Amino acid sequence: MSDIFEEIFNNLVLNKKPENNNFLIILAGLPYSGKSTFAEKLSNHNFVHFWTTKIKKQYQLNDSEVLKLSEKIIEKLLEKNYNIVFDFLNHKNEQRKSIYSIAEKMNKRYFIVYLNTPKNIILERQAKVIENIGRSSISLKIIREIESEFEVPTGSNVVEIVNNFDFEKFISSLKN
């Protein structure tokens, strides 16, 4: 697993620069809510896009393995002063806490960005999905299961995003 760790870490930081006041963003939302699209936009602003689905597929890991690996890599990324966007379903408070507690332990800032996408948009996106690495078709049954289990993030570190918002304004508010 240490070889995988180093390979993933090195691929993640490629073309990224450490920053003195770095922080972690944990994305939360239903499948097709726009988490990966949002993370890709952040990656254009010097954020390491930790895309768990892509890593799971690429290295044939299960959820438990990828989360354990994620915790170790996120700790190293924060230690090395990289901004991170953690792109995973993160539908349970306990799961999010396992990630943000790393930042807390290291006295690093973190935010949970909750993409509260309307159900009709999620269903439209689900109908149009095209298989590729990192994106796969998720059945309506599974979407409904996740929706019924979803624990809406709360607290002062939570930013809720509903549909149209000013991305550049969001970025500048984070960097201040």
N, C-alpha and C. Protein backbone atom coordinates (compact mmCIF):
# COMPACT_ATOMS: atom_id res chain seq x y z
N MET A 1 0.82 -1.20 0.00
CA MET A 1 0.00 0.00 0.00
C MET A 1 0.86 1.26 0.00
N SER A 2 2.10 1.17 0.51
CA SER A 2 2.96 2.36 0.55
C SER A 2 3.37 2.80 -0.86
N ASP A 3 3.53 1.83 -1.79
CA ASP A 3 3.83 2.20 -3.17
C ASP A 3 2.67 2.97 -3.79
N ILE A 4 1.45 2.49 -3.53
CA ILE A 4 0.25 3.17 -4.03
C ILE A 4 0.16 4.56 -3.42
N PHE A 5 0.43 4.66 -2.11
CA PHE A 5 0.40 5.94 -1.40
C PHE A 5 1.30 6.96 -2.09
N GLU A 6 2.55 6.58 -2.32
CA GLU A 6 3.51 7.51 -2.94
C GLU A 6 3.10 7.87 -4.36
N GLU A 7 2.64 6.89 -5.11
CA GLU A 7 2.23 7.14 -6.49
C GLU A 7 1.04 8.10 -6.54
N ILE A 8 0.04 7.87 -5.70
CA ILE A 8 -1.13 8.74 -5.67
C ILE A 8 -0.73 10.14 -5.22
N PHE A 9 0.05 10.22 -4.15
CA PHE A 9 0.48 11.53 -3.63
C PHE A 9 1.21 12.31 -4.72
N ASN A 10 2.17 11.69 -5.37
CA ASN A 10 2.96 12.38 -6.40
C ASN A 10 2.09 12.82 -7.58
N ASN A 11 1.12 11.99 -7.97
CA ASN A 11 0.21 12.38 -9.06
C ASN A 11 -0.70 13.54 -8.65
N LEU A 12 -1.13 13.55 -7.39
CA LEU A 12 -2.02 14.61 -6.92
C LEU A 12 -1.35 15.97 -6.90
N VAL A 13 -0.09 16.02 -6.50
CA VAL A 13 0.59 17.31 -6.34
C VAL A 13 1.26 17.82 -7.61
N LEU A 14 1.19 17.03 -8.66
CA LEU A 14 1.76 17.44 -9.94
C LEU A 14 1.15 18.78 -10.35
N ASN A 15 1.99 19.76 -10.61
CA ASN A 15 1.58 21.11 -11.03
C ASN A 15 0.83 21.91 -9.96
N LYS A 16 0.94 21.50 -8.71
CA LYS A 16 0.32 22.25 -7.60
C LYS A 16 1.43 22.83 -6.73
N LYS A 17 1.13 23.97 -6.10
CA LYS A 17 2.13 24.64 -5.26
C LYS A 17 1.62 24.71 -3.83
N PRO A 18 2.49 24.44 -2.86
CA PRO A 18 2.09 24.62 -1.46
C PRO A 18 1.79 26.08 -1.18
N GLU A 19 0.89 26.34 -0.23
CA GLU A 19 0.53 27.69 0.17
C GLU A 19 0.62 27.79 1.69
N ASN A 20 1.06 28.94 2.18
CA ASN A 20 1.23 29.12 3.63
C ASN A 20 -0.05 28.95 4.42
N ASN A 21 -1.16 29.43 3.91
CA ASN A 21 -2.42 29.39 4.64
C ASN A 21 -3.36 28.37 4.00
N ASN A 22 -2.87 27.14 3.86
CA ASN A 22 -3.64 26.13 3.14
C ASN A 22 -4.82 25.62 3.95
N PHE A 23 -5.75 24.96 3.26
CA PHE A 23 -6.92 24.42 3.93
C PHE A 23 -7.53 23.27 3.13
N LEU A 24 -8.50 22.66 3.74
CA LEU A 24 -9.18 21.50 3.20
C LEU A 24 -10.64 21.84 2.92
N ILE A 25 -11.13 21.43 1.76
CA ILE A 25 -12.55 21.52 1.44
C ILE A 25 -13.07 20.10 1.27
N ILE A 26 -14.11 19.79 2.02
CA ILE A 26 -14.76 18.48 1.93
C ILE A 26 -16.08 18.70 1.21
N LEU A 27 -16.26 18.04 0.09
CA LEU A 27 -17.51 18.17 -0.66
C LEU A 27 -18.52 17.14 -0.16
N ALA A 28 -19.77 17.54 -0.09
CA ALA A 28 -20.84 16.64 0.31
C ALA A 28 -22.03 16.89 -0.61
N GLY A 29 -22.65 15.82 -1.04
CA GLY A 29 -23.82 15.95 -1.90
C GLY A 29 -24.20 14.61 -2.49
N LEU A 30 -25.39 14.54 -3.00
CA LEU A 30 -25.87 13.31 -3.62
C LEU A 30 -25.10 13.04 -4.91
N PRO A 31 -25.16 11.81 -5.40
CA PRO A 31 -24.58 11.56 -6.72
C PRO A 31 -25.19 12.52 -7.75
N TYR A 32 -24.37 12.98 -8.67
CA TYR A 32 -24.77 13.90 -9.74
C TYR A 32 -25.13 15.30 -9.25
N SER A 33 -24.71 15.64 -8.03
CA SER A 33 -24.99 16.98 -7.52
C SER A 33 -23.99 18.01 -8.04
N GLY A 34 -22.89 17.55 -8.64
CA GLY A 34 -21.91 18.46 -9.20
C GLY A 34 -20.61 18.54 -8.41
N LYS A 35 -20.39 17.59 -7.52
CA LYS A 35 -19.18 17.61 -6.68
C LYS A 35 -17.90 17.57 -7.51
N SER A 36 -17.81 16.66 -8.45
CA SER A 36 -16.57 16.52 -9.23
C SER A 36 -16.36 17.71 -10.16
N THR A 37 -17.43 18.25 -10.72
CA THR A 37 -17.32 19.45 -11.56
C THR A 37 -16.83 20.62 -10.72
N PHE A 38 -17.39 20.77 -9.52
CA PHE A 38 -16.98 21.82 -8.59
C PHE A 38 -15.50 21.64 -8.22
N ALA A 39 -15.10 20.40 -7.92
CA ALA A 39 -13.71 20.12 -7.55
C ALA A 39 -12.76 20.43 -8.70
N GLU A 40 -13.17 20.13 -9.92
CA GLU A 40 -12.32 20.44 -11.08
C GLU A 40 -12.11 21.95 -11.21
N LYS A 41 -13.16 22.72 -10.95
CA LYS A 41 -13.01 24.18 -10.98
C LYS A 41 -12.02 24.63 -9.91
N LEU A 42 -12.11 24.04 -8.72
CA LEU A 42 -11.18 24.38 -7.65
C LEU A 42 -9.75 23.98 -8.02
N SER A 43 -9.60 22.87 -8.72
CA SER A 43 -8.24 22.42 -9.09
C SER A 43 -7.56 23.43 -10.01
N ASN A 44 -8.35 24.24 -10.71
CA ASN A 44 -7.78 25.31 -11.54
C ASN A 44 -7.31 26.49 -10.70
N HIS A 45 -7.57 26.45 -9.40
CA HIS A 45 -7.16 27.50 -8.45
C HIS A 45 -6.18 26.93 -7.42
N ASN A 46 -5.32 26.04 -7.88
CA ASN A 46 -4.25 25.46 -7.06
C ASN A 46 -4.75 24.55 -5.93
N PHE A 47 -5.86 23.88 -6.13
CA PHE A 47 -6.32 22.87 -5.19
C PHE A 47 -5.98 21.50 -5.72
N VAL A 48 -5.51 20.64 -4.84
CA VAL A 48 -5.33 19.23 -5.17
C VAL A 48 -6.72 18.61 -5.18
N HIS A 49 -7.11 18.02 -6.30
CA HIS A 49 -8.42 17.37 -6.42
C HIS A 49 -8.26 15.91 -6.03
N PHE A 50 -8.66 15.60 -4.80
CA PHE A 50 -8.61 14.22 -4.32
C PHE A 50 -9.93 13.55 -4.69
N TRP A 51 -9.93 12.91 -5.85
CA TRP A 51 -11.14 12.33 -6.44
C TRP A 51 -11.17 10.85 -6.10
N THR A 52 -11.86 10.51 -5.03
CA THR A 52 -11.83 9.13 -4.51
C THR A 52 -12.38 8.11 -5.50
N THR A 53 -13.43 8.46 -6.23
CA THR A 53 -14.01 7.51 -7.18
C THR A 53 -12.99 7.12 -8.24
N LYS A 54 -12.28 8.09 -8.72
CA LYS A 54 -11.26 7.84 -9.75
C LYS A 54 -10.13 6.97 -9.17
N ILE A 55 -9.71 7.29 -7.95
CA ILE A 55 -8.64 6.51 -7.30
C ILE A 55 -9.10 5.09 -7.02
N LYS A 56 -10.35 4.93 -6.56
CA LYS A 56 -10.92 3.60 -6.32
C LYS A 56 -10.86 2.74 -7.57
N LYS A 57 -11.29 3.31 -8.68
CA LYS A 57 -11.30 2.56 -9.93
C LYS A 57 -9.89 2.27 -10.43
N GLN A 58 -9.04 3.28 -10.39
CA GLN A 58 -7.69 3.14 -10.94
C GLN A 58 -6.87 2.09 -10.18
N TYR A 59 -7.06 2.02 -8.86
CA TYR A 59 -6.26 1.10 -8.04
C TYR A 59 -7.08 -0.08 -7.51
N GLN A 60 -8.30 -0.22 -7.99
CA GLN A 60 -9.20 -1.31 -7.61
C GLN A 60 -9.31 -1.45 -6.08
N LEU A 61 -9.71 -0.36 -5.44
CA LEU A 61 -9.87 -0.33 -3.99
C LEU A 61 -11.35 -0.29 -3.64
N ASN A 62 -11.70 -0.80 -2.46
CA ASN A 62 -13.07 -0.66 -1.99
C ASN A 62 -13.19 0.63 -1.17
N ASP A 63 -14.41 0.96 -0.74
CA ASP A 63 -14.63 2.21 0.00
C ASP A 63 -13.76 2.30 1.26
N SER A 64 -13.69 1.23 2.00
CA SER A 64 -12.91 1.21 3.24
C SER A 64 -11.42 1.47 2.97
N GLU A 65 -10.91 0.80 1.95
CA GLU A 65 -9.49 0.97 1.61
C GLU A 65 -9.19 2.39 1.13
N VAL A 66 -10.06 2.93 0.29
CA VAL A 66 -9.81 4.27 -0.25
C VAL A 66 -9.94 5.32 0.85
N LEU A 67 -10.85 5.12 1.80
CA LEU A 67 -10.99 6.09 2.89
C LEU A 67 -9.79 6.06 3.83
N LYS A 68 -9.30 4.87 4.12
CA LYS A 68 -8.11 4.75 4.98
C LYS A 68 -6.91 5.42 4.30
N LEU A 69 -6.74 5.16 3.02
CA LEU A 69 -5.67 5.76 2.25
C LEU A 69 -5.86 7.28 2.15
N SER A 70 -7.12 7.71 1.97
CA SER A 70 -7.43 9.14 1.89
C SER A 70 -6.97 9.88 3.13
N GLU A 71 -7.26 9.33 4.29
CA GLU A 71 -6.89 9.98 5.55
C GLU A 71 -5.38 10.20 5.63
N LYS A 72 -4.61 9.19 5.24
CA LYS A 72 -3.14 9.30 5.28
C LYS A 72 -2.63 10.33 4.28
N ILE A 73 -3.18 10.29 3.08
CA ILE A 73 -2.72 11.22 2.04
C ILE A 73 -3.14 12.65 2.38
N ILE A 74 -4.35 12.83 2.86
CA ILE A 74 -4.81 14.18 3.24
C ILE A 74 -3.91 14.74 4.34
N GLU A 75 -3.56 13.92 5.30
CA GLU A 75 -2.66 14.38 6.37
C GLU A 75 -1.33 14.85 5.79
N LYS A 76 -0.78 14.08 4.87
CA LYS A 76 0.50 14.47 4.27
C LYS A 76 0.35 15.74 3.42
N LEU A 77 -0.75 15.84 2.67
CA LEU A 77 -0.99 17.03 1.83
C LEU A 77 -1.11 18.28 2.70
N LEU A 78 -1.83 18.18 3.81
CA LEU A 78 -1.97 19.32 4.71
C LEU A 78 -0.63 19.67 5.36
N GLU A 79 0.09 18.65 5.75
CA GLU A 79 1.41 18.84 6.36
C GLU A 79 2.36 19.57 5.40
N LYS A 80 2.23 19.26 4.11
CA LYS A 80 3.09 19.87 3.08
C LYS A 80 2.49 21.17 2.54
N ASN A 81 1.41 21.64 3.16
CA ASN A 81 0.78 22.94 2.85
C ASN A 81 0.07 23.03 1.49
N TYR A 82 -0.55 21.94 1.07
CA TYR A 82 -1.35 21.98 -0.15
C TYR A 82 -2.81 22.24 0.19
N ASN A 83 -3.49 23.00 -0.67
CA ASN A 83 -4.94 23.13 -0.59
C ASN A 83 -5.55 21.86 -1.17
N ILE A 84 -6.58 21.36 -0.52
CA ILE A 84 -7.17 20.09 -0.95
C ILE A 84 -8.67 20.24 -1.09
N VAL A 85 -9.22 19.61 -2.13
CA VAL A 85 -10.66 19.43 -2.23
C VAL A 85 -10.90 17.93 -2.24
N PHE A 86 -11.60 17.46 -1.22
CA PHE A 86 -11.87 16.03 -1.04
C PHE A 86 -13.22 15.71 -1.67
N ASP A 87 -13.17 15.00 -2.78
CA ASP A 87 -14.32 14.72 -3.63
C ASP A 87 -14.78 13.28 -3.41
N PHE A 88 -15.79 13.15 -2.57
CA PHE A 88 -16.38 11.86 -2.26
C PHE A 88 -17.83 12.12 -1.89
N LEU A 89 -18.65 11.12 -1.84
CA LEU A 89 -20.06 11.29 -1.50
C LEU A 89 -20.21 12.03 -0.17
N ASN A 90 -19.46 11.60 0.84
CA ASN A 90 -19.46 12.25 2.17
C ASN A 90 -20.88 12.51 2.67
N HIS A 91 -21.73 11.50 2.58
CA HIS A 91 -23.13 11.67 2.94
C HIS A 91 -23.42 11.46 4.43
N LYS A 92 -22.44 11.03 5.19
CA LYS A 92 -22.62 10.79 6.62
C LYS A 92 -21.71 11.71 7.42
N ASN A 93 -22.24 12.23 8.53
CA ASN A 93 -21.46 13.12 9.39
C ASN A 93 -20.18 12.44 9.88
N GLU A 94 -20.27 11.17 10.26
CA GLU A 94 -19.11 10.45 10.78
C GLU A 94 -17.98 10.38 9.75
N GLN A 95 -18.35 10.16 8.51
CA GLN A 95 -17.36 10.09 7.43
C GLN A 95 -16.67 11.45 7.24
N ARG A 96 -17.48 12.51 7.22
CA ARG A 96 -16.90 13.85 7.07
C ARG A 96 -16.00 14.17 8.25
N LYS A 97 -16.43 13.79 9.45
CA LYS A 97 -15.64 14.08 10.66
C LYS A 97 -14.28 13.37 10.61
N SER A 98 -14.25 12.16 10.08
CA SER A 98 -12.96 11.44 10.00
C SER A 98 -11.97 12.20 9.14
N ILE A 99 -12.47 12.99 8.18
CA ILE A 99 -11.60 13.77 7.32
C ILE A 99 -11.29 15.13 7.94
N TYR A 100 -12.31 15.87 8.40
CA TYR A 100 -12.01 17.21 8.93
C TYR A 100 -11.27 17.16 10.26
N SER A 101 -11.37 16.06 10.98
CA SER A 101 -10.61 15.96 12.24
C SER A 101 -9.11 15.97 12.00
N ILE A 102 -8.69 15.55 10.81
CA ILE A 102 -7.27 15.61 10.44
C ILE A 102 -6.84 17.08 10.39
N ALA A 103 -7.66 17.90 9.74
CA ALA A 103 -7.35 19.33 9.66
C ALA A 103 -7.37 19.96 11.04
N GLU A 104 -8.36 19.62 11.84
CA GLU A 104 -8.45 20.17 13.21
C GLU A 104 -7.20 19.82 14.02
N LYS A 105 -6.80 18.57 13.94
CA LYS A 105 -5.63 18.10 14.68
C LYS A 105 -4.37 18.87 14.29
N MET A 106 -4.31 19.30 13.03
CA MET A 106 -3.14 20.00 12.52
C MET A 106 -3.31 21.53 12.56
N ASN A 107 -4.41 21.99 13.16
CA ASN A 107 -4.73 23.42 13.21
C ASN A 107 -4.81 24.05 11.82
N LYS A 108 -5.40 23.32 10.90
CA LYS A 108 -5.61 23.81 9.54
C LYS A 108 -7.09 24.15 9.36
N ARG A 109 -7.37 25.12 8.52
CA ARG A 109 -8.75 25.48 8.24
C ARG A 109 -9.39 24.42 7.35
N TYR A 110 -10.70 24.27 7.53
CA TYR A 110 -11.45 23.36 6.66
C TYR A 110 -12.86 23.91 6.48
N PHE A 111 -13.47 23.51 5.36
CA PHE A 111 -14.84 23.85 5.06
C PHE A 111 -15.53 22.62 4.50
N ILE A 112 -16.78 22.48 4.80
CA ILE A 112 -17.61 21.45 4.17
C ILE A 112 -18.50 22.20 3.18
N VAL A 113 -18.38 21.86 1.92
CA VAL A 113 -19.21 22.49 0.89
C VAL A 113 -20.30 21.49 0.53
N TYR A 114 -21.52 21.87 0.87
CA TYR A 114 -22.68 21.03 0.62
C TYR A 114 -23.36 21.48 -0.67
N LEU A 115 -23.29 20.63 -1.69
CA LEU A 115 -23.93 20.93 -2.96
C LEU A 115 -25.37 20.42 -2.89
N ASN A 116 -26.27 21.34 -2.61
CA ASN A 116 -27.69 21.03 -2.44
C ASN A 116 -28.40 21.21 -3.78
N THR A 117 -28.19 20.25 -4.64
CA THR A 117 -28.70 20.32 -6.01
C THR A 117 -30.14 19.80 -6.06
N PRO A 118 -31.03 20.54 -6.72
CA PRO A 118 -32.43 20.07 -6.83
C PRO A 118 -32.52 18.68 -7.47
N LYS A 119 -33.46 17.90 -6.98
CA LYS A 119 -33.62 16.51 -7.41
C LYS A 119 -33.82 16.39 -8.92
N ASN A 120 -34.58 17.31 -9.53
CA ASN A 120 -34.82 17.22 -10.97
C ASN A 120 -33.52 17.35 -11.77
N ILE A 121 -32.60 18.17 -11.30
CA ILE A 121 -31.31 18.33 -11.98
C ILE A 121 -30.47 17.06 -11.81
N ILE A 122 -30.49 16.49 -10.61
CA ILE A 122 -29.77 15.23 -10.37
C ILE A 122 -30.29 14.15 -11.31
N LEU A 123 -31.58 14.05 -11.46
CA LEU A 123 -32.17 13.02 -12.33
C LEU A 123 -31.84 13.27 -13.80
N GLU A 124 -31.81 14.53 -14.22
CA GLU A 124 -31.42 14.87 -15.60
C GLU A 124 -29.97 14.43 -15.86
N ARG A 125 -29.09 14.75 -14.89
CA ARG A 125 -27.68 14.39 -15.05
C ARG A 125 -27.50 12.87 -15.05
N GLN A 126 -28.24 12.20 -14.21
CA GLN A 126 -28.14 10.73 -14.13
C GLN A 126 -28.54 10.11 -15.46
N ALA A 127 -29.53 10.67 -16.11
CA ALA A 127 -30.01 10.14 -17.38
C ALA A 127 -28.99 10.34 -18.50
N LYS A 128 -28.13 11.36 -18.38
CA LYS A 128 -27.18 11.71 -19.44
C LYS A 128 -25.77 11.15 -19.22
N VAL A 129 -25.53 10.52 -18.07
CA VAL A 129 -24.16 10.14 -17.73
C VAL A 129 -23.53 9.23 -18.79
N ILE A 130 -22.25 9.47 -19.02
CA ILE A 130 -21.47 8.64 -19.94
C ILE A 130 -20.35 8.02 -19.12
N GLU A 131 -20.19 6.71 -19.22
CA GLU A 131 -19.14 6.01 -18.46
C GLU A 131 -17.75 6.49 -18.87
N ASN A 132 -16.95 6.80 -17.89
CA ASN A 132 -15.52 7.02 -18.08
C ASN A 132 -14.86 6.89 -16.72
N ILE A 133 -13.54 6.95 -16.66
CA ILE A 133 -12.88 6.79 -15.37
C ILE A 133 -13.29 7.92 -14.45
N GLY A 134 -13.76 7.57 -13.29
CA GLY A 134 -14.19 8.57 -12.33
C GLY A 134 -15.68 8.86 -12.37
N ARG A 135 -16.32 8.54 -13.46
CA ARG A 135 -17.77 8.76 -13.54
C ARG A 135 -18.42 7.46 -13.99
N SER A 136 -19.45 7.07 -13.30
CA SER A 136 -20.16 5.87 -13.69
C SER A 136 -21.64 6.06 -13.44
N SER A 137 -22.43 5.22 -14.07
CA SER A 137 -23.86 5.30 -13.92
C SER A 137 -24.27 4.75 -12.56
N ILE A 138 -25.07 5.50 -11.85
CA ILE A 138 -25.58 5.07 -10.56
C ILE A 138 -27.09 4.97 -10.70
N SER A 139 -27.65 3.83 -10.32
CA SER A 139 -29.08 3.60 -10.51
C SER A 139 -29.92 4.53 -9.64
N LEU A 140 -31.16 4.72 -10.08
CA LEU A 140 -32.09 5.55 -9.31
C LEU A 140 -32.33 4.93 -7.94
N LYS A 141 -32.33 3.61 -7.87
CA LYS A 141 -32.53 2.93 -6.58
C LYS A 141 -31.42 3.31 -5.59
N ILE A 142 -30.18 3.31 -6.05
CA ILE A 142 -29.05 3.65 -5.18
C ILE A 142 -29.10 5.14 -4.81
N ILE A 143 -29.45 5.98 -5.76
CA ILE A 143 -29.57 7.42 -5.47
C ILE A 143 -30.61 7.63 -4.37
N ARG A 144 -31.74 6.93 -4.46
CA ARG A 144 -32.78 7.06 -3.43
C ARG A 144 -32.29 6.55 -2.08
N GLU A 145 -31.54 5.45 -2.07
CA GLU A 145 -30.98 4.91 -0.82
C GLU A 145 -30.06 5.93 -0.16
N ILE A 146 -29.16 6.50 -0.97
CA ILE A 146 -28.22 7.49 -0.46
C ILE A 146 -28.97 8.72 0.05
N GLU A 147 -29.98 9.14 -0.70
CA GLU A 147 -30.79 10.29 -0.30
C GLU A 147 -31.45 10.04 1.05
N SER A 148 -31.95 8.83 1.27
CA SER A 148 -32.62 8.53 2.54
C SER A 148 -31.64 8.47 3.71
N GLU A 149 -30.37 8.16 3.43
CA GLU A 149 -29.35 8.08 4.47
C GLU A 149 -28.58 9.40 4.64
N PHE A 150 -28.77 10.34 3.73
CA PHE A 150 -27.97 11.56 3.70
C PHE A 150 -28.19 12.39 4.96
N GLU A 151 -27.10 12.77 5.61
CA GLU A 151 -27.12 13.63 6.78
C GLU A 151 -26.62 15.00 6.35
N VAL A 152 -27.53 15.96 6.32
CA VAL A 152 -27.19 17.31 5.86
C VAL A 152 -26.16 17.92 6.80
N PRO A 153 -25.04 18.40 6.23
CA PRO A 153 -24.01 19.02 7.08
C PRO A 153 -24.52 20.30 7.73
N THR A 154 -24.12 20.52 8.97
CA THR A 154 -24.47 21.73 9.69
C THR A 154 -23.23 22.26 10.39
N GLY A 155 -23.28 23.51 10.79
CA GLY A 155 -22.19 24.10 11.55
C GLY A 155 -21.60 25.32 10.87
N SER A 156 -20.71 25.97 11.58
CA SER A 156 -20.13 27.22 11.08
C SER A 156 -19.14 27.01 9.93
N ASN A 157 -18.66 25.80 9.74
CA ASN A 157 -17.71 25.52 8.65
C ASN A 157 -18.40 25.03 7.38
N VAL A 158 -19.72 25.06 7.36
CA VAL A 158 -20.47 24.55 6.22
C VAL A 158 -20.88 25.70 5.30
N VAL A 159 -20.65 25.49 4.01
CA VAL A 159 -21.09 26.42 2.96
C VAL A 159 -22.06 25.63 2.10
N GLU A 160 -23.30 26.12 1.99
CA GLU A 160 -24.29 25.44 1.17
C GLU A 160 -24.37 26.13 -0.18
N ILE A 161 -24.32 25.32 -1.21
CA ILE A 161 -24.39 25.86 -2.57
C ILE A 161 -25.62 25.27 -3.25
N VAL A 162 -26.47 26.17 -3.72
CA VAL A 162 -27.67 25.76 -4.43
C VAL A 162 -27.59 26.36 -5.83
N ASN A 163 -27.55 25.47 -6.82
CA ASN A 163 -27.54 25.87 -8.23
C ASN A 163 -26.61 27.02 -8.60
N ASN A 164 -27.15 28.14 -9.01
CA ASN A 164 -26.35 29.24 -9.54
C ASN A 164 -25.71 30.04 -8.42
N PHE A 165 -24.40 30.18 -8.51
CA PHE A 165 -23.68 30.99 -7.54
C PHE A 165 -22.44 31.54 -8.22
N ASP A 166 -21.82 32.53 -7.62
CA ASP A 166 -20.65 33.18 -8.17
C ASP A 166 -19.40 32.43 -7.70
N PHE A 167 -18.85 31.59 -8.57
CA PHE A 167 -17.70 30.76 -8.19
C PHE A 167 -16.48 31.60 -7.82
N GLU A 168 -16.19 32.63 -8.60
CA GLU A 168 -15.02 33.48 -8.32
C GLU A 168 -15.15 34.18 -6.98
N LYS A 169 -16.35 34.62 -6.65
CA LYS A 169 -16.59 35.25 -5.35
C LYS A 169 -16.35 34.22 -4.23
N PHE A 170 -16.80 33.01 -4.46
CA PHE A 170 -16.59 31.93 -3.49
C PHE A 170 -15.10 31.71 -3.27
N ILE A 171 -14.33 31.61 -4.35
CA ILE A 171 -12.87 31.40 -4.25
C ILE A 171 -12.21 32.53 -3.48
N SER A 172 -12.55 33.75 -3.80
CA SER A 172 -11.90 34.88 -3.13
C SER A 172 -12.28 34.92 -1.65
N SER A 173 -13.49 34.51 -1.30
CA SER A 173 -13.89 34.49 0.12
C SER A 173 -13.10 33.42 0.89
N LEU A 174 -12.78 32.33 0.24
CA LEU A 174 -12.01 31.27 0.90
C LEU A 174 -10.57 31.69 1.16
N LYS A 175 -10.02 32.41 0.22
CA LYS A 175 -8.60 32.78 0.32
C LYS A 175 -8.35 33.93 1.30
N ASN A 176 -9.42 34.57 1.78
CA ASN A 176 -9.26 35.68 2.73
C ASN A 176 -9.30 35.21 4.17
